[in-house]
Structures are given as C-alpha cells and as structure tokens.
Amino acid sequence: MQVTIRADEDLIERVKRSAAASGRSMNEWANLVFRAATDPDAAGSEIERIRERLRNAGVLAEHRPLPGSPPDPELVRAAGERAASGTPLSAYVTEGRGE
C-alpha cells in the first residue's frame, strides 16, 4: 500500500536526516515509526526510544484491554454452531429466481 502525506519542508528534512542517520530510507524509517507507534509488541532499543518519544508527544497508540472479562469459550463455540445452522445466504439470494 502506498500513502501520501503533506508536511512542511523542515519536517521532511528532519525525517531525511533521521532516516539517513539510522542507515534507512525514508520509507523504512517511516514504517519503523508507524510500527513503534501502533504495535504494543514492538520491542528493541531503537523502537523503545521511538515509542518513548511518541508517548511524550501524546501520539503513541497505547494498548488498553477491553473492559470486562473475556467470554466463556464454550459459549462462543455454541453460539458459532447456532449461527452456522441457519439458512445459507445463497439460498435467499437464489430463492424465486428459477433454475
């Protein structure tokens, strides 16, 4: 996937310098920053430094568990079986169309 962003020249120059200083292309560097900002499982000293800077800037996507407890796996399995036992959508789509 390709993404286009608008940024002022000063920011682009800082990104170019940061990417070059780490031996990466701007694309590789941007991917690293995006990953550090959004992946709670990302680890490594460089990623941790980026995550800390993003956290300080208030733009780090922090993982927050959903409230409540997870559903009982047996209840989920049973609900799946009930959902799979109905009339297939294809039957409604072809109903009345003739053969």
PDB file of N, CA and C in Angstrom:
ATOM      1  N   MET A   1       0.849  -1.171   0.000  1.00  0.00           N
ATOM      2  CA  MET A   1       0.000   0.000   0.000  1.00  0.00           C
ATOM      3  C   MET A   1       0.894   1.232   0.000  1.00  0.00           C
ATOM      4  N   GLN A   2       0.455   2.251  -0.665  1.00  0.00           N
ATOM      5  CA  GLN A   2       1.202   3.487  -0.737  1.00  0.00           C
ATOM      6  C   GLN A   2       0.401   4.573  -0.040  1.00  0.00           C
ATOM      7  N   VAL A   3       1.094   5.430   0.727  1.00  0.00           N
ATOM      8  CA  VAL A   3       0.460   6.515   1.458  1.00  0.00           C
ATOM      9  C   VAL A   3       1.174   7.814   1.106  1.00  0.00           C
ATOM     10  N   THR A   4       0.422   8.868   0.902  1.00  0.00           N
ATOM     11  CA  THR A   4       0.990  10.179   0.637  1.00  0.00           C
ATOM     12  C   THR A   4       0.638  11.090   1.799  1.00  0.00           C
ATOM     13  N   ILE A   5       1.626  11.838   2.278  1.00  0.00           N
ATOM     14  CA  ILE A   5       1.357  12.784   3.366  1.00  0.00           C
ATOM     15  C   ILE A   5       1.825  14.170   2.948  1.00  0.00           C
ATOM     16  N   ARG A   6       1.279  15.182   3.592  1.00  0.00           N
ATOM     17  CA  ARG A   6       1.730  16.551   3.395  1.00  0.00           C
ATOM     18  C   ARG A   6       2.454  16.961   4.663  1.00  0.00           C
ATOM     19  N   ALA A   7       3.621  17.563   4.502  1.00  0.00           N
ATOM     20  CA  ALA A   7       4.389  18.032   5.648  1.00  0.00           C
ATOM     21  C   ALA A   7       5.231  19.216   5.212  1.00  0.00           C
ATOM     22  N   ASP A   8       5.580  20.075   6.171  1.00  0.00           N
ATOM     23  CA  ASP A   8       6.406  21.224   5.806  1.00  0.00           C
ATOM     24  C   ASP A   8       7.834  20.761   5.517  1.00  0.00           C
ATOM     25  N   GLU A   9       8.549  21.586   4.786  1.00  0.00           N
ATOM     26  CA  GLU A   9       9.896  21.217   4.332  1.00  0.00           C
ATOM     27  C   GLU A   9      10.842  20.923   5.485  1.00  0.00           C
ATOM     28  N   ASP A  10      10.722  21.686   6.567  1.00  0.00           N
ATOM     29  CA  ASP A  10      11.598  21.475   7.721  1.00  0.00           C
ATOM     30  C   ASP A  10      11.402  20.071   8.310  1.00  0.00           C
ATOM     31  N   LEU A  11      10.149  19.643   8.429  1.00  0.00           N
ATOM     32  CA  LEU A  11       9.875  18.304   8.949  1.00  0.00           C
ATOM     33  C   LEU A  11      10.441  17.237   8.024  1.00  0.00           C
ATOM     34  N   ILE A  12      10.238  17.388   6.720  1.00  0.00           N
ATOM     35  CA  ILE A  12      10.755  16.414   5.755  1.00  0.00           C
ATOM     36  C   ILE A  12      12.276  16.332   5.851  1.00  0.00           C
ATOM     37  N   GLU A  13      12.939  17.465   5.990  1.00  0.00           N
ATOM     38  CA  GLU A  13      14.397  17.457   6.125  1.00  0.00           C
ATOM     39  C   GLU A  13      14.834  16.730   7.398  1.00  0.00           C
ATOM     40  N   ARG A  14      14.113  16.946   8.496  1.00  0.00           N
ATOM     41  CA  ARG A  14      14.447  16.244   9.748  1.00  0.00           C
ATOM     42  C   ARG A  14      14.241  14.743   9.593  1.00  0.00           C
ATOM     43  N   VAL A  15      13.169  14.357   8.895  1.00  0.00           N
ATOM     44  CA  VAL A  15      12.918  12.933   8.661  1.00  0.00           C
ATOM     45  C   VAL A  15      14.036  12.344   7.805  1.00  0.00           C
ATOM     46  N   LYS A  16      14.424  13.056   6.750  1.00  0.00           N
ATOM     47  CA  LYS A  16      15.519  12.574   5.894  1.00  0.00           C
ATOM     48  C   LYS A  16      16.796  12.382   6.703  1.00  0.00           C
ATOM     49  N   ARG A  17      17.128  13.356   7.560  1.00  0.00           N
ATOM     50  CA  ARG A  17      18.342  13.247   8.377  1.00  0.00           C
ATOM     51  C   ARG A  17      18.247  12.090   9.364  1.00  0.00           C
ATOM     52  N   SER A  18      17.094  11.930   9.993  1.00  0.00           N
ATOM     53  CA  SER A  18      16.919  10.830  10.945  1.00  0.00           C
ATOM     54  C   SER A  18      17.029   9.482  10.250  1.00  0.00           C
ATOM     55  N   ALA A  19      16.419   9.372   9.075  1.00  0.00           N
ATOM     56  CA  ALA A  19      16.482   8.125   8.317  1.00  0.00           C
ATOM     57  C   ALA A  19      17.927   7.827   7.915  1.00  0.00           C
ATOM     58  N   ALA A  20      18.611   8.833   7.391  1.00  0.00           N
ATOM     59  CA  ALA A  20      19.997   8.636   6.962  1.00  0.00           C
ATOM     60  C   ALA A  20      20.892   8.274   8.145  1.00  0.00           C
ATOM     61  N   ALA A  21      20.665   8.913   9.293  1.00  0.00           N
ATOM     62  CA  ALA A  21      21.485   8.639  10.481  1.00  0.00           C
ATOM     63  C   ALA A  21      21.318   7.202  10.959  1.00  0.00           C
ATOM     64  N   SER A  22      20.163   6.621  10.698  1.00  0.00           N
ATOM     65  CA  SER A  22      19.947   5.234  11.114  1.00  0.00           C
ATOM     66  C   SER A  22      20.227   4.248   9.982  1.00  0.00           C
ATOM     67  N   GLY A  23      20.712   4.758   8.832  1.00  0.00           N
ATOM     68  CA  GLY A  23      21.044   3.884   7.712  1.00  0.00           C
ATOM     69  C   GLY A  23      19.828   3.326   6.996  1.00  0.00           C
ATOM     70  N   ARG A  24      18.720   4.073   7.039  1.00  0.00           N
ATOM     71  CA  ARG A  24      17.475   3.616   6.420  1.00  0.00           C
ATOM     72  C   ARG A  24      16.995   4.614   5.375  1.00  0.00           C
ATOM     73  N   SER A  25      16.143   4.113   4.485  1.00  0.00           N
ATOM     74  CA  SER A  25      15.450   5.016   3.568  1.00  0.00           C
ATOM     75  C   SER A  25      14.346   5.709   4.365  1.00  0.00           C
ATOM     76  N   MET A  26      13.800   6.773   3.796  1.00  0.00           N
ATOM     77  CA  MET A  26      12.676   7.442   4.475  1.00  0.00           C
ATOM     78  C   MET A  26      11.509   6.479   4.642  1.00  0.00           C
ATOM     79  N   ASN A  27      11.283   5.637   3.639  1.00  0.00           N
ATOM     80  CA  ASN A  27      10.193   4.673   3.717  1.00  0.00           C
ATOM     81  C   ASN A  27      10.409   3.689   4.867  1.00  0.00           C
ATOM     82  N   GLU A  28      11.620   3.135   4.961  1.00  0.00           N
ATOM     83  CA  GLU A  28      11.909   2.190   6.052  1.00  0.00           C
ATOM     84  C   GLU A  28      11.769   2.874   7.407  1.00  0.00           C
ATOM     85  N   TRP A  29      12.266   4.109   7.501  1.00  0.00           N
ATOM     86  CA  TRP A  29      12.217   4.836   8.764  1.00  0.00           C
ATOM     87  C   TRP A  29      10.767   5.127   9.157  1.00  0.00           C
ATOM     88  N   ALA A  30       9.938   5.570   8.177  1.00  0.00           N
ATOM     89  CA  ALA A  30       8.532   5.860   8.457  1.00  0.00           C
ATOM     90  C   ALA A  30       7.808   4.597   8.904  1.00  0.00           C
ATOM     91  N   ASN A  31       8.087   3.463   8.258  1.00  0.00           N
ATOM     92  CA  ASN A  31       7.465   2.208   8.673  1.00  0.00           C
ATOM     93  C   ASN A  31       7.854   1.840  10.104  1.00  0.00           C
ATOM     94  N   LEU A  32       9.119   2.059  10.452  1.00  0.00           N
ATOM     95  CA  LEU A  32       9.569   1.786  11.811  1.00  0.00           C
ATOM     96  C   LEU A  32       8.821   2.660  12.816  1.00  0.00           C
ATOM     97  N   VAL A  33       8.669   3.935  12.506  1.00  0.00           N
ATOM     98  CA  VAL A  33       7.964   4.856  13.404  1.00  0.00           C
ATOM     99  C   VAL A  33       6.487   4.475  13.510  1.00  0.00           C
ATOM    100  N   PHE A  34       5.849   4.161  12.379  1.00  0.00           N
ATOM    101  CA  PHE A  34       4.438   3.760  12.412  1.00  0.00           C
ATOM    102  C   PHE A  34       4.258   2.498  13.249  1.00  0.00           C
ATOM    103  N   ARG A  35       5.167   1.548  13.073  1.00  0.00           N
ATOM    104  CA  ARG A  35       5.092   0.300  13.843  1.00  0.00           C
ATOM    105  C   ARG A  35       5.293   0.580  15.331  1.00  0.00           C
ATOM    106  N   ALA A  36       6.293   1.403  15.636  1.00  0.00           N
ATOM    107  CA  ALA A  36       6.556   1.731  17.037  1.00  0.00           C
ATOM    108  C   ALA A  36       5.358   2.430  17.669  1.00  0.00           C
ATOM    109  N   ALA A  37       4.650   3.239  16.870  1.00  0.00           N
ATOM    110  CA  ALA A  37       3.507   3.992  17.389  1.00  0.00           C
ATOM    111  C   ALA A  37       2.281   3.133  17.620  1.00  0.00           C
ATOM    112  N   THR A  38       2.160   2.022  16.904  1.00  0.00           N
ATOM    113  CA  THR A  38       0.899   1.281  16.949  1.00  0.00           C
ATOM    114  C   THR A  38       0.995  -0.159  17.419  1.00  0.00           C
ATOM    115  N   ASP A  39       2.201  -0.737  17.476  1.00  0.00           N
ATOM    116  CA  ASP A  39       2.345  -2.156  17.820  1.00  0.00           C
ATOM    117  C   ASP A  39       2.832  -2.305  19.247  1.00  0.00           C
ATOM    118  N   PRO A  40       1.949  -2.711  20.165  1.00  0.00           N
ATOM    119  CA  PRO A  40       2.362  -2.846  21.564  1.00  0.00           C
ATOM    120  C   PRO A  40       3.392  -3.955  21.765  1.00  0.00           C
ATOM    121  N   ASP A  41       3.534  -4.853  20.799  1.00  0.00           N
ATOM    122  CA  ASP A  41       4.504  -5.944  20.921  1.00  0.00           C
ATOM    123  C   ASP A  41       5.865  -5.586  20.337  1.00  0.00           C
ATOM    124  N   ALA A  42       5.977  -4.406  19.724  1.00  0.00           N
ATOM    125  CA  ALA A  42       7.257  -3.996  19.147  1.00  0.00           C
ATOM    126  C   ALA A  42       8.273  -3.831  20.272  1.00  0.00           C
ATOM    127  N   ALA A  43       9.454  -4.349  20.051  1.00  0.00           N
ATOM    128  CA  ALA A  43      10.492  -4.274  21.078  1.00  0.00           C
ATOM    129  C   ALA A  43      11.824  -3.947  20.425  1.00  0.00           C
ATOM    130  N   GLY A  44      12.790  -3.659  21.222  1.00  0.00           N
ATOM    131  CA  GLY A  44      14.127  -3.325  20.732  1.00  0.00           C
ATOM    132  C   GLY A  44      14.484  -1.932  21.175  1.00  0.00           C
ATOM    133  N   SER A  45      15.747  -1.704  21.406  1.00  0.00           N
ATOM    134  CA  SER A  45      16.169  -0.425  21.971  1.00  0.00           C
ATOM    135  C   SER A  45      15.782   0.757  21.079  1.00  0.00           C
ATOM    136  N   GLU A  46      15.967   0.646  19.765  1.00  0.00           N
ATOM    137  CA  GLU A  46      15.612   1.759  18.887  1.00  0.00           C
ATOM    138  C   GLU A  46      14.105   2.002  18.896  1.00  0.00           C
ATOM    139  N   ILE A  47      13.344   0.928  18.800  1.00  0.00           N
ATOM    140  CA  ILE A  47      11.882   1.071  18.825  1.00  0.00           C
ATOM    141  C   ILE A  47      11.429   1.606  20.174  1.00  0.00           C
ATOM    142  N   GLU A  48      12.044   1.162  21.257  1.00  0.00           N
ATOM    143  CA  GLU A  48      11.674   1.676  22.576  1.00  0.00           C
ATOM    144  C   GLU A  48      11.955   3.167  22.684  1.00  0.00           C
ATOM    145  N   ARG A  49      13.067   3.626  22.124  1.00  0.00           N
ATOM    146  CA  ARG A  49      13.360   5.072  22.149  1.00  0.00           C
ATOM    147  C   ARG A  49      12.305   5.839  21.352  1.00  0.00           C
ATOM    148  N   ILE A  50      11.913   5.307  20.196  1.00  0.00           N
ATOM    149  CA  ILE A  50      10.888   5.966  19.385  1.00  0.00           C
ATOM    150  C   ILE A  50       9.560   5.962  20.128  1.00  0.00           C
ATOM    151  N   ARG A  51       9.219   4.817  20.732  1.00  0.00           N
ATOM    152  CA  ARG A  51       7.956   4.733  21.476  1.00  0.00           C
ATOM    153  C   ARG A  51       7.927   5.740  22.626  1.00  0.00           C
ATOM    154  N   GLU A  52       9.045   5.906  23.304  1.00  0.00           N
ATOM    155  CA  GLU A  52       9.105   6.866  24.405  1.00  0.00           C
ATOM    156  C   GLU A  52       8.889   8.288  23.900  1.00  0.00           C
ATOM    157  N   ARG A  53       9.496   8.619  22.769  1.00  0.00           N
ATOM    158  CA  ARG A  53       9.308   9.951  22.203  1.00  0.00           C
ATOM    159  C   ARG A  53       7.868  10.161  21.764  1.00  0.00           C
ATOM    160  N   LEU A  54       7.262   9.148  21.153  1.00  0.00           N
ATOM    161  CA  LEU A  54       5.862   9.244  20.750  1.00  0.00           C
ATOM    162  C   LEU A  54       4.951   9.361  21.967  1.00  0.00           C
ATOM    163  N   ARG A  55       5.263   8.616  23.025  1.00  0.00           N
ATOM    164  CA  ARG A  55       4.490   8.685  24.267  1.00  0.00           C
ATOM    165  C   ARG A  55       4.566  10.102  24.843  1.00  0.00           C
ATOM    166  N   ASN A  56       5.768  10.666  24.870  1.00  0.00           N
ATOM    167  CA  ASN A  56       5.947  12.019  25.394  1.00  0.00           C
ATOM    168  C   ASN A  56       5.205  13.057  24.563  1.00  0.00           C
ATOM    169  N   ALA A  57       5.076  12.790  23.260  1.00  0.00           N
ATOM    170  CA  ALA A  57       4.353  13.703  22.373  1.00  0.00           C
ATOM    171  C   ALA A  57       2.842  13.476  22.432  1.00  0.00           C
ATOM    172  N   GLY A  58       2.419  12.426  23.121  1.00  0.00           N
ATOM    173  CA  GLY A  58       0.991  12.135  23.243  1.00  0.00           C
ATOM    174  C   GLY A  58       0.379  11.499  22.013  1.00  0.00           C
ATOM    175  N   VAL A  59       1.202  10.854  21.168  1.00  0.00           N
ATOM    176  CA  VAL A  59       0.671  10.255  19.946  1.00  0.00           C
ATOM    177  C   VAL A  59       0.907   8.743  19.863  1.00  0.00           C
ATOM    178  N   LEU A  60       1.318   8.142  20.949  1.00  0.00           N
ATOM    179  CA  LEU A  60       1.528   6.694  20.951  1.00  0.00           C
ATOM    180  C   LEU A  60       0.192   5.998  21.157  1.00  0.00           C
ATOM    181  N   ALA A  61      -0.112   5.024  20.299  1.00  0.00           N
ATOM    182  CA  ALA A  61      -1.348   4.246  20.433  1.00  0.00           C
ATOM    183  C   ALA A  61      -1.111   3.200  21.516  1.00  0.00           C
ATOM    184  N   GLU A  62      -1.566   3.484  22.710  1.00  0.00           N
ATOM    185  CA  GLU A  62      -1.380   2.569  23.841  1.00  0.00           C
ATOM    186  C   GLU A  62      -2.439   1.473  23.800  1.00  0.00           C
ATOM    187  N   HIS A  63      -2.020   0.269  24.085  1.00  0.00           N
ATOM    188  CA  HIS A  63      -2.944  -0.868  24.149  1.00  0.00           C
ATOM    189  C   HIS A  63      -3.713  -0.778  25.458  1.00  0.00           C
ATOM    190  N   ARG A  64      -5.018  -0.782  25.349  1.00  0.00           N
ATOM    191  CA  ARG A  64      -5.863  -0.773  26.545  1.00  0.00           C
ATOM    192  C   ARG A  64      -6.801  -1.964  26.453  1.00  0.00           C
ATOM    193  N   PRO A  65      -6.718  -2.882  27.417  1.00  0.00           N
ATOM    194  CA  PRO A  65      -7.622  -4.035  27.382  1.00  0.00           C
ATOM    195  C   PRO A  65      -9.081  -3.580  27.441  1.00  0.00           C
ATOM    196  N   LEU A  66      -9.925  -4.325  26.774  1.00  0.00           N
ATOM    197  CA  LEU A  66     -11.351  -4.022  26.811  1.00  0.00           C
ATOM    198  C   LEU A  66     -11.883  -4.282  28.219  1.00  0.00           C
ATOM    199  N   PRO A  67     -12.876  -3.507  28.640  1.00  0.00           N
ATOM    200  CA  PRO A  67     -13.426  -3.729  29.981  1.00  0.00           C
ATOM    201  C   PRO A  67     -14.162  -5.065  30.047  1.00  0.00           C
ATOM    202  N   GLY A  68     -14.238  -5.612  31.229  1.00  0.00           N
ATOM    203  CA  GLY A  68     -14.946  -6.869  31.437  1.00  0.00           C
ATOM    204  C   GLY A  68     -14.049  -8.063  31.210  1.00  0.00           C
ATOM    205  N   SER A  69     -14.615  -9.216  31.394  1.00  0.00           N
ATOM    206  CA  SER A  69     -13.846 -10.446  31.218  1.00  0.00           C
ATOM    207  C   SER A  69     -14.164 -11.056  29.852  1.00  0.00           C
ATOM    208  N   PRO A  70     -13.233 -11.844  29.315  1.00  0.00           N
ATOM    209  CA  PRO A  70     -13.491 -12.462  28.011  1.00  0.00           C
ATOM    210  C   PRO A  70     -14.639 -13.468  28.110  1.00  0.00           C
ATOM    211  N   PRO A  71     -15.351 -13.685  27.003  1.00  0.00           N
ATOM    212  CA  PRO A  71     -16.466 -14.629  27.028  1.00  0.00           C
ATOM    213  C   PRO A  71     -15.982 -16.064  27.235  1.00  0.00           C
ATOM    214  N   ASP A  72     -16.846 -16.872  27.785  1.00  0.00           N
ATOM    215  CA  ASP A  72     -16.556 -18.288  28.003  1.00  0.00           C
ATOM    216  C   ASP A  72     -16.378 -18.956  26.638  1.00  0.00           C
ATOM    217  N   PRO A  73     -15.252 -19.643  26.400  1.00  0.00           N
ATOM    218  CA  PRO A  73     -15.019 -20.285  25.100  1.00  0.00           C
ATOM    219  C   PRO A  73     -16.127 -21.254  24.697  1.00  0.00           C
ATOM    220  N   GLU A  74     -16.717 -21.932  25.648  1.00  0.00           N
ATOM    221  CA  GLU A  74     -17.794 -22.869  25.333  1.00  0.00           C
ATOM    222  C   GLU A  74     -19.025 -22.124  24.828  1.00  0.00           C
ATOM    223  N   LEU A  75     -19.333 -20.981  25.427  1.00  0.00           N
ATOM    224  CA  LEU A  75     -20.468 -20.175  24.957  1.00  0.00           C
ATOM    225  C   LEU A  75     -20.211 -19.652  23.543  1.00  0.00           C
ATOM    226  N   VAL A  76     -18.977 -19.267  23.263  1.00  0.00           N
ATOM    227  CA  VAL A  76     -18.624 -18.791  21.924  1.00  0.00           C
ATOM    228  C   VAL A  76     -18.772 -19.923  20.910  1.00  0.00           C
ATOM    229  N   ARG A  77     -18.298 -21.125  21.257  1.00  0.00           N
ATOM    230  CA  ARG A  77     -18.418 -22.272  20.367  1.00  0.00           C
ATOM    231  C   ARG A  77     -19.880 -22.587  20.086  1.00  0.00           C
ATOM    232  N   ALA A  78     -20.707 -22.600  21.140  1.00  0.00           N
ATOM    233  CA  ALA A  78     -22.129 -22.915  20.983  1.00  0.00           C
ATOM    234  C   ALA A  78     -22.828 -21.860  20.121  1.00  0.00           C
ATOM    235  N   ALA A  79     -22.482 -20.588  20.316  1.00  0.00           N
ATOM    236  CA  ALA A  79     -23.082 -19.531  19.505  1.00  0.00           C
ATOM    237  C   ALA A  79     -22.689 -19.701  18.037  1.00  0.00           C
ATOM    238  N   GLY A  80     -21.440 -20.091  17.782  1.00  0.00           N
ATOM    239  CA  GLY A  80     -20.996 -20.343  16.417  1.00  0.00           C
ATOM    240  C   GLY A  80     -21.779 -21.471  15.764  1.00  0.00           C
ATOM    241  N   GLU A  81     -22.038 -22.521  16.531  1.00  0.00           N
ATOM    242  CA  GLU A  81     -22.821 -23.648  15.994  1.00  0.00           C
ATOM    243  C   GLU A  81     -24.242 -23.205  15.665  1.00  0.00           C
ATOM    244  N   ARG A  82     -24.849 -22.413  16.541  1.00  0.00           N
ATOM    245  CA  ARG A  82     -26.216 -21.930  16.279  1.00  0.00           C
ATOM    246  C   ARG A  82     -26.229 -21.036  15.044  1.00  0.00           C
ATOM    247  N   ALA A  83     -25.236 -20.184  14.913  1.00  0.00           N
ATOM    248  CA  ALA A  83     -25.181 -19.276  13.771  1.00  0.00           C
ATOM    249  C   ALA A  83     -24.988 -20.042  12.464  1.00  0.00           C
ATOM    250  N   ALA A  84     -24.252 -21.134  12.515  1.00  0.00           N
ATOM    251  CA  ALA A  84     -23.973 -21.918  11.313  1.00  0.00           C
ATOM    252  C   ALA A  84     -25.113 -22.850  10.934  1.00  0.00           C
ATOM    253  N   SER A  85     -26.128 -22.951  11.765  1.00  0.00           N
ATOM    254  CA  SER A  85     -27.205 -23.907  11.490  1.00  0.00           C
ATOM    255  C   SER A  85     -28.387 -23.285  10.760  1.00  0.00           C
ATOM    256  N   GLY A  86     -28.323 -21.987  10.460  1.00  0.00           N
ATOM    257  CA  GLY A  86     -29.431 -21.322   9.785  1.00  0.00           C
ATOM    258  C   GLY A  86     -29.415 -21.564   8.290  1.00  0.00           C
ATOM    259  N   THR A  87     -30.291 -20.854   7.599  1.00  0.00           N
ATOM    260  CA  THR A  87     -30.377 -20.938   6.152  1.00  0.00           C
ATOM    261  C   THR A  87     -29.214 -20.167   5.532  1.00  0.00           C
ATOM    262  N   PRO A  88     -28.496 -20.784   4.604  1.00  0.00           N
ATOM    263  CA  PRO A  88     -27.378 -20.069   3.972  1.00  0.00           C
ATOM    264  C   PRO A  88     -27.876 -18.853   3.192  1.00  0.00           C
ATOM    265  N   LEU A  89     -27.098 -17.809   3.169  1.00  0.00           N
ATOM    266  CA  LEU A  89     -27.445 -16.587   2.448  1.00  0.00           C
ATOM    267  C   LEU A  89     -27.696 -16.890   0.974  1.00  0.00           C
ATOM    268  N   SER A  90     -26.935 -17.806   0.404  1.00  0.00           N
ATOM    269  CA  SER A  90     -27.095 -18.120  -1.009  1.00  0.00           C
ATOM    270  C   SER A  90     -28.509 -18.629  -1.309  1.00  0.00           C
ATOM    271  N   ALA A  91     -29.137 -19.298  -0.351  1.00  0.00           N
ATOM    272  CA  ALA A  91     -30.499 -19.788  -0.545  1.00  0.00           C
ATOM    273  C   ALA A  91     -31.483 -18.621  -0.694  1.00  0.00           C
ATOM    274  N   TYR A  92     -31.283 -17.557   0.092  1.00  0.00           N
ATOM    275  CA  TYR A  92     -32.150 -16.384  -0.005  1.00  0.00           C
ATOM    276  C   TYR A  92     -31.884 -15.633  -1.317  1.00  0.00           C
ATOM    277  N   VAL A  93     -30.648 -15.595  -1.745  1.00  0.00           N
ATOM    278  CA  VAL A  93     -30.290 -14.861  -2.950  1.00  0.00           C
ATOM    279  C   VAL A  93     -30.898 -15.534  -4.180  1.00  0.00           C
ATOM    280  N   THR A  94     -30.855 -16.864  -4.220  1.00  0.00           N
ATOM    281  CA  THR A  94     -31.352 -17.587  -5.398  1.00  0.00           C
ATOM    282  C   THR A  94     -32.847 -17.902  -5.312  1.00  0.00           C
ATOM    283  N   GLU A  95     -33.467 -17.697  -4.164  1.00  0.00           N
ATOM    284  CA  GLU A  95     -34.887 -18.028  -3.991  1.00  0.00           C
ATOM    285  C   GLU A  95     -35.736 -17.262  -5.001  1.00  0.00           C
ATOM    286  N   GLY A  96     -36.593 -17.978  -5.690  1.00  0.00           N
ATOM    287  CA  GLY A  96     -37.508 -17.372  -6.641  1.00  0.00           C
ATOM    288  C   GLY A  96     -36.906 -17.012  -7.978  1.00  0.00           C
ATOM    289  N   ARG A  97     -35.661 -17.317  -8.198  1.00  0.00           N
ATOM    290  CA  ARG A  97     -35.013 -16.981  -9.466  1.00  0.00           C
ATOM    291  C   ARG A  97     -35.214 -18.071 -10.516  1.00  0.00           C
ATOM    292  N   GLY A  98     -35.629 -19.210 -10.109  1.00  0.00           N
ATOM    293  CA  GLY A  98     -35.755 -20.322 -11.041  1.00  0.00           C
ATOM    294  C   GLY A  98     -34.411 -20.994 -11.234  1.00  0.00           C
ATOM    295  N   GLU A  99     -34.430 -22.039 -11.957  1.00  0.00           N
ATOM    296  CA  GLU A  99     -33.179 -22.803 -12.109  1.00  0.00           C
ATOM    297  C   GLU A  99     -32.550 -22.559 -13.425  1.00  0.00           C
TER     298      GLU A  99
END
